Amino acid sequence: MICRLLSLVVLQTALLLPLACAGEFNRVLNLGDTIPKWSGLVGIDDEKHSFDEVTGAKVVIVVFTCNSCPYAVDVEDRLLELDRKYRESGVQILAINVNTDEEDSLDAMKARAKDKEFRFGYLYDPTQKIARDFGATRTPEFFVFDSQRELIYQGSFDDSPDGKSVTNRYVENAIQATLGSGAIEVKETAPIGCNIRFERVRRSRTPAR
């Protein structure tokens, strides 16, 4: 409930803002940046996965998500439908979870993926490095890359967090424009969701002399 209330405040604020220019909502990645690479991330299949597995796709969608955030749960059915619609067109979806609490553990991820019948990869990074590399801060948060693996869209899935009043399908519009060589009208939006629960990184102290 707290997560939803905080996210509604963010949503209301975002709706009052003009459409973002590159990097306005992300302190790490700008539009046109190359996809950060990864390796050794364990998936729900208990295998280790790397960036090389997406090199053949026409469009790659990386979504930071989890089991515990209601916004991430709300987007699952729409994401599954997107996968069914565009998988044969060379669009590859990769879901990544970096939260480390019990309800977002790898075992919990496996159970969730089985229940929802995920066909796309669902990877776990308890080091949280990949989220920092992408500049991801919320779940769900989407990053769309073209065939050159350059960032063409980042932010929310669409303009309706609960999926009940969608008027602009940001991720799908980016896919369609890319596959059809068209222009992407909205390239960045504020990600609406729960905060990624980053572990505190303690700074090492310099011994006193």
C-alpha atoms as a PDB file:
ATOM      1  CA  MET A   1       0.000   0.000   0.000  1.00  0.00           C
ATOM      2  CA  ILE A   2       2.820   2.415   0.888  1.00  0.00           C
ATOM      3  CA  CYS A   3       4.505   1.562  -2.396  1.00  0.00           C
ATOM      4  CA  ARG A   4       1.336   2.400  -4.332  1.00  0.00           C
ATOM      5  CA  LEU A   5       0.784   5.704  -2.507  1.00  0.00           C
ATOM      6  CA  LEU A   6       4.353   6.845  -3.109  1.00  0.00           C
ATOM      7  CA  SER A   7       4.205   5.803  -6.746  1.00  0.00           C
ATOM      8  CA  LEU A   8       0.922   7.678  -7.265  1.00  0.00           C
ATOM      9  CA  VAL A   9       2.656  10.846  -6.085  1.00  0.00           C
ATOM     10  CA  VAL A  10       5.418  10.217  -8.621  1.00  0.00           C
ATOM     11  CA  LEU A  11       2.852   9.542 -11.340  1.00  0.00           C
ATOM     12  CA  GLN A  12       0.922  12.718 -10.620  1.00  0.00           C
ATOM     13  CA  THR A  13       4.150  14.706 -10.710  1.00  0.00           C
ATOM     14  CA  ALA A  14       5.257  13.052 -13.960  1.00  0.00           C
ATOM     15  CA  LEU A  15       1.957  13.834 -15.663  1.00  0.00           C
ATOM     16  CA  LEU A  16       2.522  17.532 -14.962  1.00  0.00           C
ATOM     17  CA  LEU A  17       5.941  17.471 -16.623  1.00  0.00           C
ATOM     18  CA  PRO A  18       6.592  17.916 -20.346  1.00  0.00           C
ATOM     19  CA  LEU A  19       7.846  14.874 -22.193  1.00  0.00           C
ATOM     20  CA  ALA A  20      11.407  14.224 -21.174  1.00  0.00           C
ATOM     21  CA  CYS A  21      14.525  14.831 -23.191  1.00  0.00           C
ATOM     22  CA  ALA A  22      17.249  12.178 -23.124  1.00  0.00           C
ATOM     23  CA  GLY A  23      18.529  11.247 -19.702  1.00  0.00           C
ATOM     24  CA  GLU A  24      16.069  13.363 -17.725  1.00  0.00           C
ATOM     25  CA  PHE A  25      14.861  10.441 -15.623  1.00  0.00           C
ATOM     26  CA  ASN A  26      18.020   8.333 -15.732  1.00  0.00           C
ATOM     27  CA  ARG A  27      21.356   9.446 -14.316  1.00  0.00           C
ATOM     28  CA  VAL A  28      23.329   6.722 -16.119  1.00  0.00           C
ATOM     29  CA  LEU A  29      21.964   6.026 -19.604  1.00  0.00           C
ATOM     30  CA  ASN A  30      21.127   8.516 -22.340  1.00  0.00           C
ATOM     31  CA  LEU A  31      19.236   7.724 -25.507  1.00  0.00           C
ATOM     32  CA  GLY A  32      21.630   6.319 -28.086  1.00  0.00           C
ATOM     33  CA  ASP A  33      23.875   4.706 -25.466  1.00  0.00           C
ATOM     34  CA  THR A  34      24.983   1.130 -26.043  1.00  0.00           C
ATOM     35  CA  ILE A  35      23.372  -1.563 -23.928  1.00  0.00           C
ATOM     36  CA  PRO A  36      25.392  -2.401 -20.789  1.00  0.00           C
ATOM     37  CA  LYS A  37      26.698  -5.956 -21.027  1.00  0.00           C
ATOM     38  CA  TRP A  38      26.285  -8.648 -18.386  1.00  0.00           C
ATOM     39  CA  SER A  39      27.506 -12.165 -17.713  1.00  0.00           C
ATOM     40  CA  GLY A  40      27.009 -14.940 -15.200  1.00  0.00           C
ATOM     41  CA  LEU A  41      23.466 -14.011 -14.175  1.00  0.00           C
ATOM     42  CA  VAL A  42      21.491 -17.023 -12.957  1.00  0.00           C
ATOM     43  CA  GLY A  43      18.084 -17.568 -14.517  1.00  0.00           C
ATOM     44  CA  ILE A  44      15.000 -19.423 -13.365  1.00  0.00           C
ATOM     45  CA  ASP A  45      16.395 -22.382 -15.332  1.00  0.00           C
ATOM     46  CA  ASP A  46      19.397 -22.453 -12.935  1.00  0.00           C
ATOM     47  CA  GLU A  47      21.710 -21.720 -15.859  1.00  0.00           C
ATOM     48  CA  LYS A  48      24.072 -18.742 -16.102  1.00  0.00           C
ATOM     49  CA  HIS A  49      23.240 -16.225 -18.801  1.00  0.00           C
ATOM     50  CA  SER A  50      25.150 -13.488 -20.594  1.00  0.00           C
ATOM     51  CA  PHE A  51      24.666 -10.631 -23.037  1.00  0.00           C
ATOM     52  CA  ASP A  52      25.628 -12.903 -25.940  1.00  0.00           C
ATOM     53  CA  GLU A  53      22.184 -14.525 -25.810  1.00  0.00           C
ATOM     54  CA  VAL A  54      20.434 -11.408 -27.142  1.00  0.00           C
ATOM     55  CA  THR A  55      22.849 -10.515 -29.931  1.00  0.00           C
ATOM     56  CA  GLY A  56      20.634 -11.912 -32.691  1.00  0.00           C
ATOM     57  CA  ALA A  57      17.424 -10.048 -31.802  1.00  0.00           C
ATOM     58  CA  LYS A  58      16.047  -7.153 -33.837  1.00  0.00           C
ATOM     59  CA  VAL A  59      14.802  -5.443 -30.679  1.00  0.00           C
ATOM     60  CA  VAL A  60      15.794  -6.178 -27.069  1.00  0.00           C
ATOM     61  CA  ILE A  61      13.591  -5.171 -24.152  1.00  0.00           C
ATOM     62  CA  VAL A  62      15.182  -5.265 -20.706  1.00  0.00           C
ATOM     63  CA  VAL A  63      12.741  -4.853 -17.840  1.00  0.00           C
ATOM     64  CA  PHE A  64      13.735  -4.592 -14.206  1.00  0.00           C
ATOM     65  CA  THR A  65      10.965  -6.238 -12.233  1.00  0.00           C
ATOM     66  CA  CYS A  66      10.258  -8.378  -9.180  1.00  0.00           C
ATOM     67  CA  ASN A  67       7.572 -10.471  -7.505  1.00  0.00           C
ATOM     68  CA  SER A  68       6.703  -8.173  -4.615  1.00  0.00           C
ATOM     69  CA  CYS A  69       5.884  -4.848  -6.267  1.00  0.00           C
ATOM     70  CA  PRO A  70       2.177  -4.481  -7.144  1.00  0.00           C
ATOM     71  CA  TYR A  71       3.052  -2.378 -10.187  1.00  0.00           C
ATOM     72  CA  ALA A  72       5.374  -5.089 -11.472  1.00  0.00           C
ATOM     73  CA  VAL A  73       2.611  -7.654 -10.949  1.00  0.00           C
ATOM     74  CA  ASP A  74       0.079  -5.433 -12.726  1.00  0.00           C
ATOM     75  CA  VAL A  75       2.234  -5.215 -15.864  1.00  0.00           C
ATOM     76  CA  GLU A  76       2.869  -8.975 -16.177  1.00  0.00           C
ATOM     77  CA  ASP A  77      -0.146  -9.858 -18.328  1.00  0.00           C
ATOM     78  CA  ARG A  78       0.517  -6.960 -20.693  1.00  0.00           C
ATOM     79  CA  LEU A  79       4.160  -7.987 -20.941  1.00  0.00           C
ATOM     80  CA  LEU A  80       3.197 -11.586 -21.683  1.00  0.00           C
ATOM     81  CA  GLU A  81       0.846 -10.388 -24.419  1.00  0.00           C
ATOM     82  CA  LEU A  82       3.613  -8.219 -25.885  1.00  0.00           C
ATOM     83  CA  ASP A  83       5.904 -11.252 -25.945  1.00  0.00           C
ATOM     84  CA  ARG A  84       3.274 -13.361 -27.723  1.00  0.00           C
ATOM     85  CA  LYS A  85       2.646 -10.609 -30.258  1.00  0.00           C
ATOM     86  CA  TYR A  86       6.243  -9.800 -31.215  1.00  0.00           C
ATOM     87  CA  ARG A  87       8.361 -12.853 -30.394  1.00  0.00           C
ATOM     88  CA  GLU A  88       8.214 -14.141 -33.975  1.00  0.00           C
ATOM     89  CA  SER A  89       9.221 -10.693 -35.255  1.00  0.00           C
ATOM     90  CA  GLY A  90      12.604 -10.887 -33.574  1.00  0.00           C
ATOM     91  CA  VAL A  91      11.762  -9.032 -30.359  1.00  0.00           C
ATOM     92  CA  GLN A  92      13.433 -10.500 -27.282  1.00  0.00           C
ATOM     93  CA  ILE A  93      12.305  -9.682 -23.745  1.00  0.00           C
ATOM     94  CA  LEU A  94      14.582 -10.134 -20.758  1.00  0.00           C
ATOM     95  CA  ALA A  95      13.291  -9.633 -17.204  1.00  0.00           C
ATOM     96  CA  ILE A  96      15.769  -9.014 -14.393  1.00  0.00           C
ATOM     97  CA  ASN A  97      15.241  -8.959 -10.628  1.00  0.00           C
ATOM     98  CA  VAL A  98      17.829  -7.471  -8.260  1.00  0.00           C
ATOM     99  CA  ASN A  99      15.880  -7.313  -4.986  1.00  0.00           C
ATOM    100  CA  THR A 100      17.327  -9.611  -2.356  1.00  0.00           C
ATOM    101  CA  ASP A 101      14.519 -10.158   0.155  1.00  0.00           C
ATOM    102  CA  GLU A 102      12.833 -13.547   0.543  1.00  0.00           C
ATOM    103  CA  GLU A 103       9.719 -12.795  -1.522  1.00  0.00           C
ATOM    104  CA  ASP A 104      11.959 -11.844  -4.436  1.00  0.00           C
ATOM    105  CA  SER A 105      14.392 -14.750  -4.079  1.00  0.00           C
ATOM    106  CA  LEU A 106      15.341 -16.991  -6.994  1.00  0.00           C
ATOM    107  CA  ASP A 107      12.996 -19.723  -5.698  1.00  0.00           C
ATOM    108  CA  ALA A 108      10.152 -17.205  -5.560  1.00  0.00           C
ATOM    109  CA  MET A 109      11.003 -16.081  -9.089  1.00  0.00           C
ATOM    110  CA  LYS A 110      10.815 -19.677 -10.319  1.00  0.00           C
ATOM    111  CA  ALA A 111       7.403 -20.141  -8.748  1.00  0.00           C
ATOM    112  CA  ARG A 112       6.101 -16.900 -10.208  1.00  0.00           C
ATOM    113  CA  ALA A 113       7.415 -17.655 -13.690  1.00  0.00           C
ATOM    114  CA  LYS A 114       5.844 -21.120 -13.597  1.00  0.00           C
ATOM    115  CA  ASP A 115       2.507 -19.760 -12.426  1.00  0.00           C
ATOM    116  CA  LYS A 116       2.394 -17.048 -15.109  1.00  0.00           C
ATOM    117  CA  GLU A 117       4.039 -19.222 -17.795  1.00  0.00           C
ATOM    118  CA  PHE A 118       6.865 -16.833 -18.631  1.00  0.00           C
ATOM    119  CA  ARG A 119       8.446 -17.671 -21.977  1.00  0.00           C
ATOM    120  CA  PHE A 120      11.083 -14.970 -21.743  1.00  0.00           C
ATOM    121  CA  GLY A 121      14.209 -15.054 -19.605  1.00  0.00           C
ATOM    122  CA  TYR A 122      13.959 -14.080 -15.943  1.00  0.00           C
ATOM    123  CA  LEU A 123      17.373 -13.467 -14.386  1.00  0.00           C
ATOM    124  CA  TYR A 124      18.553 -12.772 -10.852  1.00  0.00           C
ATOM    125  CA  ASP A 125      21.393 -10.480  -9.808  1.00  0.00           C
ATOM    126  CA  PRO A 126      21.755 -10.287  -6.023  1.00  0.00           C
ATOM    127  CA  THR A 127      24.854  -8.088  -6.487  1.00  0.00           C
ATOM    128  CA  GLN A 128      22.517  -5.481  -8.029  1.00  0.00           C
ATOM    129  CA  LYS A 129      25.340  -4.385 -10.328  1.00  0.00           C
ATOM    130  CA  ILE A 130      23.304  -4.667 -13.508  1.00  0.00           C
ATOM    131  CA  ALA A 131      20.632  -2.307 -12.171  1.00  0.00           C
ATOM    132  CA  ARG A 132      23.324   0.234 -11.324  1.00  0.00           C
ATOM    133  CA  ASP A 133      24.851  -0.197 -14.799  1.00  0.00           C
ATOM    134  CA  PHE A 134      21.476   0.593 -16.382  1.00  0.00           C
ATOM    135  CA  GLY A 135      20.617   3.350 -13.925  1.00  0.00           C
ATOM    136  CA  ALA A 136      17.404   1.503 -13.078  1.00  0.00           C
ATOM    137  CA  THR A 137      15.665   2.678  -9.915  1.00  0.00           C
ATOM    138  CA  ARG A 138      12.149   1.197 -10.046  1.00  0.00           C
ATOM    139  CA  THR A 139      10.149  -1.924 -10.774  1.00  0.00           C
ATOM    140  CA  PRO A 140       8.940  -2.187 -13.411  1.00  0.00           C
ATOM    141  CA  GLU A 141      11.338  -0.093 -15.507  1.00  0.00           C
ATOM    142  CA  PHE A 142      11.817  -0.694 -19.233  1.00  0.00           C
ATOM    143  CA  PHE A 143      14.742  -0.220 -21.611  1.00  0.00           C
ATOM    144  CA  VAL A 144      14.314  -0.813 -25.358  1.00  0.00           C
ATOM    145  CA  PHE A 145      17.331  -1.309 -27.644  1.00  0.00           C
ATOM    146  CA  ASP A 146      17.450  -1.555 -31.432  1.00  0.00           C
ATOM    147  CA  SER A 147      19.401  -4.008 -33.595  1.00  0.00           C
ATOM    148  CA  GLN A 148      22.587  -1.973 -33.034  1.00  0.00           C
ATOM    149  CA  ARG A 149      21.942  -2.337 -29.294  1.00  0.00           C
ATOM    150  CA  GLU A 150      21.481   1.397 -28.882  1.00  0.00           C
ATOM    151  CA  LEU A 151      18.926   2.707 -26.398  1.00  0.00           C
ATOM    152  CA  ILE A 152      15.793   3.980 -28.154  1.00  0.00           C
ATOM    153  CA  TYR A 153      13.323   4.161 -25.257  1.00  0.00           C
ATOM    154  CA  GLN A 154      13.398   4.038 -21.456  1.00  0.00           C
ATOM    155  CA  GLY A 155      10.782   4.432 -18.762  1.00  0.00           C
ATOM    156  CA  SER A 156       7.296   3.074 -18.162  1.00  0.00           C
ATOM    157  CA  PHE A 157       5.566   0.311 -20.145  1.00  0.00           C
ATOM    158  CA  ASP A 158       2.611   2.568 -20.984  1.00  0.00           C
ATOM    159  CA  ASP A 159       0.718   5.491 -19.476  1.00  0.00           C
ATOM    160  CA  SER A 160      -1.492   3.410 -17.163  1.00  0.00           C
ATOM    161  CA  PRO A 161       0.320   1.761 -14.217  1.00  0.00           C
ATOM    162  CA  ASP A 162      -2.568  -0.635 -13.523  1.00  0.00           C
ATOM    163  CA  GLY A 163      -3.338  -1.172 -17.225  1.00  0.00           C
ATOM    164  CA  LYS A 164      -6.974  -0.077 -16.897  1.00  0.00           C
ATOM    165  CA  SER A 165      -6.840   3.143 -18.915  1.00  0.00           C
ATOM    166  CA  VAL A 166      -4.025   2.849 -21.446  1.00  0.00           C
ATOM    167  CA  THR A 167      -3.872   5.593 -24.071  1.00  0.00           C
ATOM    168  CA  ASN A 168      -0.180   5.473 -25.016  1.00  0.00           C
ATOM    169  CA  ARG A 169       1.738   2.210 -25.344  1.00  0.00           C
ATOM    170  CA  TYR A 170       5.292   3.504 -25.043  1.00  0.00           C
ATOM    171  CA  VAL A 171       7.208   0.225 -25.309  1.00  0.00           C
ATOM    172  CA  GLU A 172       5.061  -1.202 -28.082  1.00  0.00           C
ATOM    173  CA  ASN A 173       5.208   2.055 -30.035  1.00  0.00           C
ATOM    174  CA  ALA A 174       9.013   1.935 -29.861  1.00  0.00           C
ATOM    175  CA  ILE A 175       8.958  -1.646 -31.150  1.00  0.00           C
ATOM    176  CA  GLN A 176       6.639  -0.829 -34.030  1.00  0.00           C
ATOM    177  CA  ALA A 177       8.627   2.236 -35.058  1.00  0.00           C
ATOM    178  CA  THR A 178      11.885   0.286 -34.973  1.00  0.00           C
ATOM    179  CA  LEU A 179      10.616  -2.706 -36.929  1.00  0.00           C
ATOM    180  CA  GLY A 180       8.949  -0.388 -39.441  1.00  0.00           C
ATOM    181  CA  SER A 181      11.793   2.159 -39.633  1.00  0.00           C
ATOM    182  CA  GLY A 182       9.506   4.854 -38.250  1.00  0.00           C
ATOM    183  CA  ALA A 183      10.044   7.638 -35.756  1.00  0.00           C
ATOM    184  CA  ILE A 184       9.550   7.097 -32.027  1.00  0.00           C
ATOM    185  CA  GLU A 185       7.399   9.925 -30.708  1.00  0.00           C
ATOM    186  CA  VAL A 186       7.993   9.367 -26.983  1.00  0.00           C
ATOM    187  CA  LYS A 187      11.515   8.223 -26.169  1.00  0.00           C
ATOM    188  CA  GLU A 188      11.665   8.618 -22.405  1.00  0.00           C
ATOM    189  CA  THR A 189       9.132   8.734 -19.580  1.00  0.00           C
ATOM    190  CA  ALA A 190       9.276   8.657 -15.810  1.00  0.00           C
ATOM    191  CA  PRO A 191       9.286   5.035 -14.605  1.00  0.00           C
ATOM    192  CA  ILE A 192       6.322   4.463 -12.287  1.00  0.00           C
ATOM    193  CA  GLY A 193       6.632   1.688  -9.725  1.00  0.00           C
ATOM    194  CA  CYS A 194       8.283   0.591  -6.501  1.00  0.00           C
ATOM    195  CA  ASN A 195      11.803   1.624  -5.625  1.00  0.00           C
ATOM    196  CA  ILE A 196      14.442  -1.025  -6.211  1.00  0.00           C
ATOM    197  CA  ARG A 197      15.640  -2.008  -2.765  1.00  0.00           C
ATOM    198  CA  PHE A 198      19.337  -1.362  -3.176  1.00  0.00           C
ATOM    199  CA  GLU A 199      21.621  -2.729  -0.503  1.00  0.00           C
ATOM    200  CA  ARG A 200      23.620  -0.066   1.263  1.00  0.00           C
ATOM    201  CA  VAL A 201      27.208   0.096   0.050  1.00  0.00           C
ATOM    202  CA  ARG A 202      29.462   1.066   2.906  1.00  0.00           C
ATOM    203  CA  ARG A 203      32.420   3.258   2.122  1.00  0.00           C
ATOM    204  CA  SER A 204      35.774   2.048   3.328  1.00  0.00           C
ATOM    205  CA  ARG A 205      37.347   4.292   5.887  1.00  0.00           C
ATOM    206  CA  THR A 206      40.852   5.615   5.490  1.00  0.00           C
ATOM    207  CA  PRO A 207      42.863   4.668   8.584  1.00  0.00           C
ATOM    208  CA  ALA A 208      43.681   7.658  10.722  1.00  0.00           C
ATOM    209  CA  ARG A 209      47.348   8.593  10.794  1.00  0.00           C
END
